[in-house]
Amino acid sequence: MNVGNSFYLSRKFPSPSGIYLFCSTCRQAVSKGRLPSLCLSNGLDFPEIPECLKNLTCLEERLISPRIPFMRIISLGYERQCGIRGAVVNVPISVPDTVSALPRSFNSTHVIQVHLKRKLEYSHNFMTETIRPARVLEAVRYLVNTELYRKHNIIFDNDWLNQVGDREELPFIADESDREEVEQLLRQQLYSQQIDQQEEELNPGGHETLLENNNTELERIALAPGEGRRPTNLTLDEDAEELSFPTISCGEIFKANVTYAKKARSQIRFYDRRCAVVPKVLYMYKFYEMQRIQNTISIALRKKSGAVTAANIRDESFVDRLVQHDDGYHILKGLRSAPAHWEAEKKKVIAMIRQFGLPTFFITLSAAESRWNELLVIISLLVDGKNINEDEAAALSSTEKARLIRSDPVTCSRYFDYRLRQLLKVFKSSEIFGEYTLVHYYWRIEFQHRGSPHSHGMYWLSEAPRLDGAENCDQVIRFVDRFITTSGEDPELQEFIQYQRHKHSSSCLRELRGQEFCRFNMPYPPMPETLVLYPLEENETNVEHSKELFKKIKELLKSSSDEEAGTFNNFNLFLTHLDTTFEEYKFAIRSSLKKPQIFLRRKFSDRKQPEFFSAEIQDILRLIVSNSQLFLLRLLPSTKAKEQPTAKSQCILKEALSELRFT
């Protein structure tokens, strides 16, 4: 697209050809000759970061920040991605008092270990890092002359600033009782050679994020700049965000002419990635969440309950009506993590099931950032400034991949969203499912315990067969065998099999009456062909014998080794080992059923292999390249819907969810 000189983009990023590629967010506005709302000229641009503020550690930034955002950021999973628990506590501090507690005499290479606490009496530390007093002082000298710090009257005594750091010795003893501790600490520094030889290692032995760690035992100088100070409301404290992250704002005041949601969206996509760090991202999320709640409190109550006065609140019956009808919770309807939001989403799903029937597929997709080499190439360029190819990305160690992934969680999440939407385009293609086309879909995104995004989706295909009895059973089985497989030996699927293997873990193993079992019913019983099995009739005989045989089958599936699996891949040898026939085998499996289930064609060696798309639709597997789960819904009969056409919504949803499980 050709852009004139009047556009801010052409001045910020000049292009010899004058041609730029725009995202879908901005393309519509640019095509009409207007500036997009997220254009940097709308007060969304950041100043250049001065040298004195570059590469400051997290604790060094906290020491020069007039606001300390106390957040409990925790480490998640083996990749150590980050999450937040609880609220952000915004505490105003005095920067002059905090900096004055640091050593008053030092050279440019001196480092000292500091523990930042909420209160000095606490044994637990909020942050622990090795800081450089010279860098802190240099940053303070710059910031006190900026517009933001002058606006909030943050000043230093010039005589004090000029006197600090002019001697080589370090006579810093905060308390005479601390003399021995400080002297021992200084003897352990060994900083000179490390700093001279490796300038990029800014925080040796420390933590660069607000992660809590109880295992760090360090000689320390403790600071609690927020002790005795009253926290302030995050949304009512003017310029709180800029004051909390001075290395990002550089002491400038932002006057963006957009909503906070658009402002946050622009910042996390900013080209130099300064706002993509974990503390900043989680801070913006909590700020936006609190702002949404405050903006909807009075509106929600007025819409649902009329005028809310002090007299009404004192009326017990009025409050009871609010609780009974959940009117008080409507303030949370716009928050994705709130119960009110998911209540509305549940009603949407119920309405879709009522209107369109049960979906054909229920598909679960997980992110596999460490295996998406093209993503690692992108993050390496954004985080480290290194341009690597996909082969080099694949050769990176797991530790290095994990570091890149947690360094830019925004890019990882956006890339997962991009892949998911590309997958939807494939689903909508008229060729991917042959004569069956995607007509409706619904998905929800959640974040796993390891911190990565995860998708659950329901998809309706037109003219998909539905099991209505024995008359169309063969049609259903042909549909299943065409699109779904469990075979781990198909040469066209080998590159994807590694992502589908199930391994028992604490998240899937359960215990009932002293017996351990997998909540996914793994391992699955082998079958020579795909079958639809029904529960036993009430008047069936030899039920107890069948149940005992089923226990024997499950025990063999659990205890067999990989060497034995090759032998039992011959289904007749498997039956011979059980000393049973195929009819008795099916009867035993039926004894465990409470509803009709589809049992896929499966070898013994694939007993721990979940179902996935067949080789006929490999494009889907290439787009996924991650752990996925696939369930069939529409193919199973819906007896309750026939017997109770006026059943409540909860019954319909319960029925749909109950049919998610099949073997």
Foldseek 3Di string as FASTA:
>chain_A
DADDPVAPCCVVPPDPVRDDDDDPQQPVQVVVVHGGLLRVVLLLDADDQDPLLPLFFPVLQQLQFQKAFQWAWAFFDPLRFIDTDDATFIFGFQSQVSLVLDFQEAAQQDKFKAFEPQDPPDPFGQFIWIAGSVSSLSLNVQQCPFPQNVVVPRDDDPVSSVRGHPDHDTPRDPDPVCVVLVVVRRVPCPGPVVCVVPVSPRTVPTDRDSHTDPPDDHSHDYDNRRPPTHTDDPQPDPPSLCSNRCSGRVNDDGDRPDDLVSSLVSQLVPQLRPQQADVNNVNSVSNVQVVLLVVCQVVLCCVPPNDDDPVLVPDPVSVVVCVVVVSNVVSCCPPPVGPNVVVVVLVVVLVCCLVPNFFFKKKKFFDDQLPPLVLQQVLCCNPVVDRDDSVVSNPDDPNVSSVSCSRGVPSQQVVVVVLVVVLVVVQQDCPLLPNKGWDDKDKDWDADSNGTIMMIMGTHIPPQAADPDPPCQVVNQVSCVQWKDLDCPDPLCVLQQVQFFDDDDPVFWDADPNDIAGVLRFQAQADQAKDKAFADDPPDPPLVVLQVLLVVRVVCLVPDDLVVLVVCLPVVVVCVVSVHDPVSPSNSVNSPDDGIAIDHHGGSNSSRGAMGTDSSNCVSSVSRSHHMHMFGQRHYDDVCCVVCVPDDSVVSVVSSVVRRRHD
